[in-house]
Amino acid sequence: MSFFISDAYAQAAPAAQDPGLAGLIFPIAILTVFFFLFVWPQHKRGREHKKLVASISKGNEVVTNGGVLGKVVDLDDNFVQLEVSENVFIHVQRHAIASLMPKGTYKTKKKVEKAA
């Protein structure tokens, strides 16, 4: 039957070698690099944002995740009331605050709007 195709025979498998501790070094190194490149900075950013949200008080000038600049007028446990223009107020969730701005940023914005 093997006139056109030669028969294939399996070779005996070589003796199995146990990789031991040396076989674990590379996967552990990969996991460690992954942790320090991706997980640790994200965790650090999360802690900093949590501190920022906890430190918000009346009179702070903030920017939301949507890019809205406003002055904190009132706040409670979950929401912040921002004055975004003269007598224009919006409510946003506390965790939607992206950053605190230096004092005077909101006043500068109002002066520019009035000049235009």
N, C-alpha and C. Protein backbone atom coordinates (compact mmCIF):
# COMPACT_ATOMS: atom_id res chain seq x y z
N MET A 1 0.81 -1.19 0.00
CA MET A 1 0.00 0.00 0.00
C MET A 1 0.86 1.25 0.00
N SER A 2 2.10 1.15 0.36
CA SER A 2 2.96 2.32 0.46
C SER A 2 3.82 2.46 -0.79
N PHE A 3 3.21 2.23 -1.91
CA PHE A 3 3.96 2.30 -3.15
C PHE A 3 4.36 3.73 -3.50
N PHE A 4 3.40 4.70 -3.35
CA PHE A 4 3.70 6.09 -3.66
C PHE A 4 4.07 6.93 -2.44
N ILE A 5 3.63 6.53 -1.28
CA ILE A 5 3.87 7.29 -0.06
C ILE A 5 4.66 6.42 0.89
N SER A 6 5.72 6.99 1.40
CA SER A 6 6.52 6.19 2.34
C SER A 6 5.86 6.20 3.71
N ASP A 7 6.05 5.14 4.43
CA ASP A 7 5.47 5.02 5.77
C ASP A 7 6.21 5.93 6.74
N ALA A 8 5.46 6.48 7.67
CA ALA A 8 6.04 7.33 8.71
C ALA A 8 5.95 6.60 10.03
N TYR A 9 7.05 6.58 10.72
CA TYR A 9 7.09 5.92 12.02
C TYR A 9 7.49 6.95 13.07
N ALA A 10 6.86 6.87 14.22
CA ALA A 10 7.16 7.79 15.32
C ALA A 10 8.48 7.41 15.95
N GLN A 11 9.23 8.44 16.31
CA GLN A 11 10.48 8.19 17.01
C GLN A 11 10.21 8.11 18.50
N ALA A 12 11.07 7.50 19.18
CA ALA A 12 10.93 7.42 20.64
C ALA A 12 11.18 8.81 21.21
N ALA A 13 10.32 9.22 22.14
CA ALA A 13 10.43 10.55 22.75
C ALA A 13 11.66 10.58 23.66
N PRO A 14 12.36 11.72 23.64
CA PRO A 14 13.50 11.82 24.55
C PRO A 14 13.01 11.90 25.99
N ALA A 15 13.85 11.64 26.90
CA ALA A 15 13.48 11.65 28.31
C ALA A 15 13.01 13.05 28.69
N ALA A 16 11.86 13.14 29.37
CA ALA A 16 11.30 14.44 29.77
C ALA A 16 12.18 15.08 30.83
N GLN A 17 12.43 16.37 30.64
CA GLN A 17 13.24 17.08 31.61
C GLN A 17 12.36 18.05 32.38
N ASP A 18 12.48 18.08 33.67
CA ASP A 18 11.71 18.98 34.52
C ASP A 18 12.38 20.35 34.50
N PRO A 19 11.65 21.43 34.06
CA PRO A 19 12.29 22.74 33.97
C PRO A 19 12.63 23.32 35.34
N GLY A 20 11.94 22.92 36.36
CA GLY A 20 12.25 23.37 37.71
C GLY A 20 12.09 24.87 37.86
N LEU A 21 12.93 25.46 38.69
CA LEU A 21 12.86 26.88 39.00
C LEU A 21 13.24 27.74 37.80
N ALA A 22 14.14 27.27 36.98
CA ALA A 22 14.58 28.04 35.82
C ALA A 22 13.43 28.25 34.83
N GLY A 23 12.49 27.34 34.77
CA GLY A 23 11.35 27.47 33.88
C GLY A 23 10.33 28.49 34.37
N LEU A 24 10.38 28.88 35.63
CA LEU A 24 9.45 29.86 36.18
C LEU A 24 9.99 31.28 36.15
N ILE A 25 11.27 31.43 35.96
CA ILE A 25 11.86 32.77 36.02
C ILE A 25 11.32 33.67 34.91
N PHE A 26 11.25 33.21 33.70
CA PHE A 26 10.78 34.04 32.59
C PHE A 26 9.32 34.47 32.76
N PRO A 27 8.37 33.55 33.05
CA PRO A 27 6.98 34.01 33.24
C PRO A 27 6.82 34.98 34.42
N ILE A 28 7.55 34.76 35.49
CA ILE A 28 7.47 35.68 36.63
C ILE A 28 8.04 37.04 36.26
N ALA A 29 9.11 37.06 35.49
CA ALA A 29 9.68 38.33 35.05
C ALA A 29 8.70 39.08 34.15
N ILE A 30 8.03 38.39 33.26
CA ILE A 30 7.04 39.01 32.37
C ILE A 30 5.90 39.61 33.20
N LEU A 31 5.38 38.87 34.16
CA LEU A 31 4.31 39.37 35.02
C LEU A 31 4.75 40.58 35.84
N THR A 32 5.98 40.57 36.32
CA THR A 32 6.49 41.69 37.10
C THR A 32 6.61 42.95 36.24
N VAL A 33 7.14 42.81 35.05
CA VAL A 33 7.25 43.95 34.13
C VAL A 33 5.87 44.48 33.79
N PHE A 34 4.93 43.60 33.50
CA PHE A 34 3.55 44.01 33.20
C PHE A 34 2.95 44.80 34.36
N PHE A 35 3.16 44.31 35.58
CA PHE A 35 2.63 44.98 36.76
C PHE A 35 3.19 46.38 36.89
N PHE A 36 4.51 46.54 36.79
CA PHE A 36 5.11 47.86 36.99
C PHE A 36 4.88 48.82 35.83
N LEU A 37 4.62 48.32 34.63
CA LEU A 37 4.36 49.20 33.50
C LEU A 37 2.91 49.62 33.37
N PHE A 38 1.97 48.76 33.77
CA PHE A 38 0.56 49.04 33.52
C PHE A 38 -0.28 49.17 34.79
N VAL A 39 -0.18 48.26 35.70
CA VAL A 39 -1.07 48.24 36.86
C VAL A 39 -0.68 49.29 37.88
N TRP A 40 0.58 49.39 38.23
CA TRP A 40 1.03 50.32 39.27
C TRP A 40 0.74 51.78 38.91
N PRO A 41 1.08 52.28 37.73
CA PRO A 41 0.76 53.69 37.42
C PRO A 41 -0.74 53.97 37.43
N GLN A 42 -1.55 53.04 36.95
CA GLN A 42 -3.00 53.25 36.95
C GLN A 42 -3.53 53.30 38.38
N HIS A 43 -3.01 52.46 39.23
CA HIS A 43 -3.42 52.46 40.64
C HIS A 43 -3.01 53.76 41.32
N LYS A 44 -1.82 54.23 41.00
CA LYS A 44 -1.32 55.49 41.57
C LYS A 44 -2.20 56.66 41.11
N ARG A 45 -2.55 56.70 39.83
CA ARG A 45 -3.42 57.74 39.30
C ARG A 45 -4.78 57.72 39.98
N GLY A 46 -5.30 56.55 40.23
CA GLY A 46 -6.59 56.40 40.91
C GLY A 46 -6.55 56.94 42.33
N ARG A 47 -5.47 56.67 43.05
CA ARG A 47 -5.33 57.20 44.41
C ARG A 47 -5.23 58.71 44.40
N GLU A 48 -4.48 59.28 43.45
CA GLU A 48 -4.35 60.73 43.36
C GLU A 48 -5.70 61.38 43.04
N HIS A 49 -6.48 60.76 42.14
CA HIS A 49 -7.79 61.32 41.79
C HIS A 49 -8.73 61.24 43.00
N LYS A 50 -8.63 60.18 43.77
CA LYS A 50 -9.47 60.05 44.97
C LYS A 50 -9.14 61.16 45.97
N LYS A 51 -7.85 61.47 46.15
CA LYS A 51 -7.45 62.57 47.02
C LYS A 51 -7.96 63.90 46.49
N LEU A 52 -7.87 64.10 45.18
CA LEU A 52 -8.34 65.34 44.55
C LEU A 52 -9.82 65.53 44.80
N VAL A 53 -10.62 64.49 44.59
CA VAL A 53 -12.06 64.58 44.78
C VAL A 53 -12.40 64.86 46.24
N ALA A 54 -11.65 64.27 47.16
CA ALA A 54 -11.91 64.49 48.58
C ALA A 54 -11.52 65.91 49.01
N SER A 55 -10.58 66.54 48.31
CA SER A 55 -10.10 67.85 48.73
C SER A 55 -10.87 69.02 48.12
N ILE A 56 -11.89 68.75 47.32
CA ILE A 56 -12.66 69.82 46.69
C ILE A 56 -13.43 70.58 47.76
N SER A 57 -13.39 71.90 47.69
CA SER A 57 -14.14 72.73 48.63
C SER A 57 -14.76 73.90 47.88
N LYS A 58 -15.64 74.63 48.56
CA LYS A 58 -16.29 75.79 47.94
C LYS A 58 -15.23 76.81 47.53
N GLY A 59 -15.43 77.40 46.37
CA GLY A 59 -14.50 78.42 45.89
C GLY A 59 -13.41 77.88 44.99
N ASN A 60 -13.21 76.55 44.96
CA ASN A 60 -12.21 75.98 44.06
C ASN A 60 -12.64 76.15 42.61
N GLU A 61 -11.68 76.30 41.74
CA GLU A 61 -11.94 76.37 40.31
C GLU A 61 -11.49 75.05 39.71
N VAL A 62 -12.42 74.39 39.02
CA VAL A 62 -12.17 73.03 38.55
C VAL A 62 -12.53 72.89 37.08
N VAL A 63 -12.01 71.81 36.49
CA VAL A 63 -12.36 71.41 35.13
C VAL A 63 -12.93 70.00 35.23
N THR A 64 -14.06 69.78 34.56
CA THR A 64 -14.67 68.45 34.57
C THR A 64 -14.05 67.58 33.48
N ASN A 65 -14.42 66.31 33.48
CA ASN A 65 -13.94 65.39 32.44
C ASN A 65 -14.41 65.82 31.06
N GLY A 66 -15.51 66.53 30.99
CA GLY A 66 -16.03 67.01 29.71
C GLY A 66 -15.39 68.30 29.25
N GLY A 67 -14.52 68.89 30.08
CA GLY A 67 -13.82 70.10 29.70
C GLY A 67 -14.51 71.38 30.15
N VAL A 68 -15.48 71.28 31.03
CA VAL A 68 -16.21 72.46 31.51
C VAL A 68 -15.45 73.09 32.67
N LEU A 69 -15.15 74.38 32.53
CA LEU A 69 -14.47 75.13 33.59
C LEU A 69 -15.52 75.80 34.45
N GLY A 70 -15.40 75.70 35.76
CA GLY A 70 -16.36 76.33 36.64
C GLY A 70 -15.82 76.52 38.04
N LYS A 71 -16.57 77.26 38.81
CA LYS A 71 -16.22 77.55 40.20
C LYS A 71 -17.19 76.79 41.09
N VAL A 72 -16.67 76.11 42.10
CA VAL A 72 -17.50 75.31 43.00
C VAL A 72 -18.30 76.26 43.89
N VAL A 73 -19.64 76.12 43.81
CA VAL A 73 -20.53 76.96 44.61
C VAL A 73 -21.07 76.17 45.79
N ASP A 74 -21.43 74.91 45.55
CA ASP A 74 -22.01 74.08 46.60
C ASP A 74 -21.59 72.64 46.34
N LEU A 75 -21.48 71.84 47.39
CA LEU A 75 -21.14 70.45 47.20
C LEU A 75 -21.74 69.61 48.31
N ASP A 76 -21.99 68.35 47.98
CA ASP A 76 -22.42 67.37 48.98
C ASP A 76 -21.62 66.09 48.76
N ASP A 77 -22.10 64.98 49.28
CA ASP A 77 -21.33 63.74 49.19
C ASP A 77 -21.14 63.24 47.77
N ASN A 78 -22.13 63.43 46.90
CA ASN A 78 -22.06 62.86 45.56
C ASN A 78 -21.97 63.88 44.43
N PHE A 79 -22.49 65.08 44.64
CA PHE A 79 -22.57 66.05 43.56
C PHE A 79 -21.90 67.37 43.92
N VAL A 80 -21.51 68.10 42.88
CA VAL A 80 -20.90 69.41 43.02
C VAL A 80 -21.69 70.37 42.14
N GLN A 81 -22.01 71.56 42.67
CA GLN A 81 -22.68 72.57 41.87
C GLN A 81 -21.62 73.56 41.41
N LEU A 82 -21.52 73.74 40.09
CA LEU A 82 -20.53 74.62 39.50
C LEU A 82 -21.20 75.84 38.88
N GLU A 83 -20.58 76.99 39.05
CA GLU A 83 -21.01 78.18 38.33
C GLU A 83 -20.14 78.27 37.09
N VAL A 84 -20.75 78.10 35.93
CA VAL A 84 -19.98 78.09 34.68
C VAL A 84 -20.03 79.43 33.96
N SER A 85 -20.98 80.26 34.33
CA SER A 85 -21.09 81.60 33.79
C SER A 85 -21.89 82.40 34.82
N GLU A 86 -22.08 83.67 34.58
CA GLU A 86 -22.80 84.48 35.54
C GLU A 86 -24.24 83.98 35.66
N ASN A 87 -24.60 83.54 36.87
CA ASN A 87 -25.93 82.99 37.19
C ASN A 87 -26.30 81.75 36.37
N VAL A 88 -25.32 81.00 35.92
CA VAL A 88 -25.56 79.73 35.24
C VAL A 88 -24.85 78.64 36.04
N PHE A 89 -25.64 77.70 36.55
CA PHE A 89 -25.12 76.66 37.42
C PHE A 89 -25.41 75.29 36.82
N ILE A 90 -24.47 74.36 37.03
CA ILE A 90 -24.68 72.97 36.62
C ILE A 90 -24.30 72.07 37.79
N HIS A 91 -24.89 70.89 37.81
CA HIS A 91 -24.55 69.88 38.82
C HIS A 91 -23.78 68.77 38.12
N VAL A 92 -22.67 68.37 38.70
CA VAL A 92 -21.88 67.25 38.18
C VAL A 92 -21.53 66.32 39.34
N GLN A 93 -21.28 65.08 39.01
CA GLN A 93 -20.85 64.15 40.05
C GLN A 93 -19.43 64.49 40.48
N ARG A 94 -19.13 64.21 41.73
CA ARG A 94 -17.81 64.55 42.25
C ARG A 94 -16.69 63.88 41.46
N HIS A 95 -16.88 62.60 41.11
CA HIS A 95 -15.80 61.89 40.41
C HIS A 95 -15.62 62.37 38.97
N ALA A 96 -16.51 63.26 38.48
CA ALA A 96 -16.36 63.80 37.13
C ALA A 96 -15.43 65.01 37.11
N ILE A 97 -14.91 65.40 38.26
CA ILE A 97 -13.95 66.50 38.32
C ILE A 97 -12.59 65.96 37.88
N ALA A 98 -12.02 66.55 36.84
CA ALA A 98 -10.75 66.06 36.30
C ALA A 98 -9.55 66.70 36.99
N SER A 99 -9.63 68.02 37.23
CA SER A 99 -8.47 68.68 37.84
C SER A 99 -8.88 69.98 38.49
N LEU A 100 -8.05 70.39 39.44
CA LEU A 100 -8.20 71.71 40.06
C LEU A 100 -7.38 72.70 39.25
N MET A 101 -7.91 73.88 39.08
CA MET A 101 -7.20 74.93 38.34
C MET A 101 -6.64 75.94 39.33
N PRO A 102 -5.60 76.68 38.93
CA PRO A 102 -5.05 77.71 39.81
C PRO A 102 -6.08 78.81 40.04
N LYS A 103 -6.00 79.45 41.20
CA LYS A 103 -6.92 80.53 41.53
C LYS A 103 -6.79 81.63 40.48
N GLY A 104 -7.91 82.18 40.07
CA GLY A 104 -7.93 83.25 39.09
C GLY A 104 -8.20 82.80 37.68
N THR A 105 -8.18 81.51 37.41
CA THR A 105 -8.44 81.00 36.06
C THR A 105 -9.87 81.32 35.64
N TYR A 106 -10.81 81.12 36.53
CA TYR A 106 -12.22 81.36 36.22
C TYR A 106 -12.48 82.85 35.99
N LYS A 107 -11.85 83.72 36.79
CA LYS A 107 -12.01 85.17 36.61
C LYS A 107 -11.45 85.62 35.27
N THR A 108 -10.31 85.11 34.91
CA THR A 108 -9.69 85.43 33.63
C THR A 108 -10.61 85.04 32.47
N LYS A 109 -11.22 83.87 32.58
CA LYS A 109 -12.15 83.40 31.53
C LYS A 109 -13.34 84.35 31.42
N LYS A 110 -13.87 84.81 32.57
CA LYS A 110 -15.02 85.72 32.55
C LYS A 110 -14.64 87.05 31.91
N LYS A 111 -13.43 87.55 32.19
CA LYS A 111 -12.98 88.83 31.60
C LYS A 111 -12.85 88.70 30.09
N VAL A 112 -12.33 87.59 29.62
CA VAL A 112 -12.17 87.37 28.18
C VAL A 112 -13.53 87.32 27.50
N GLU A 113 -14.51 86.67 28.14
CA GLU A 113 -15.85 86.58 27.56
C GLU A 113 -16.49 87.97 27.46
N LYS A 114 -16.32 88.80 28.49
CA LYS A 114 -16.91 90.12 28.48
C LYS A 114 -16.27 91.01 27.43
N ALA A 115 -14.96 90.86 27.21
CA ALA A 115 -14.23 91.67 26.24
C ALA A 115 -14.66 91.31 24.81
N ALA A 116 -15.02 90.06 24.59
CA ALA A 116 -15.35 89.62 23.23
C ALA A 116 -16.70 90.03 22.78
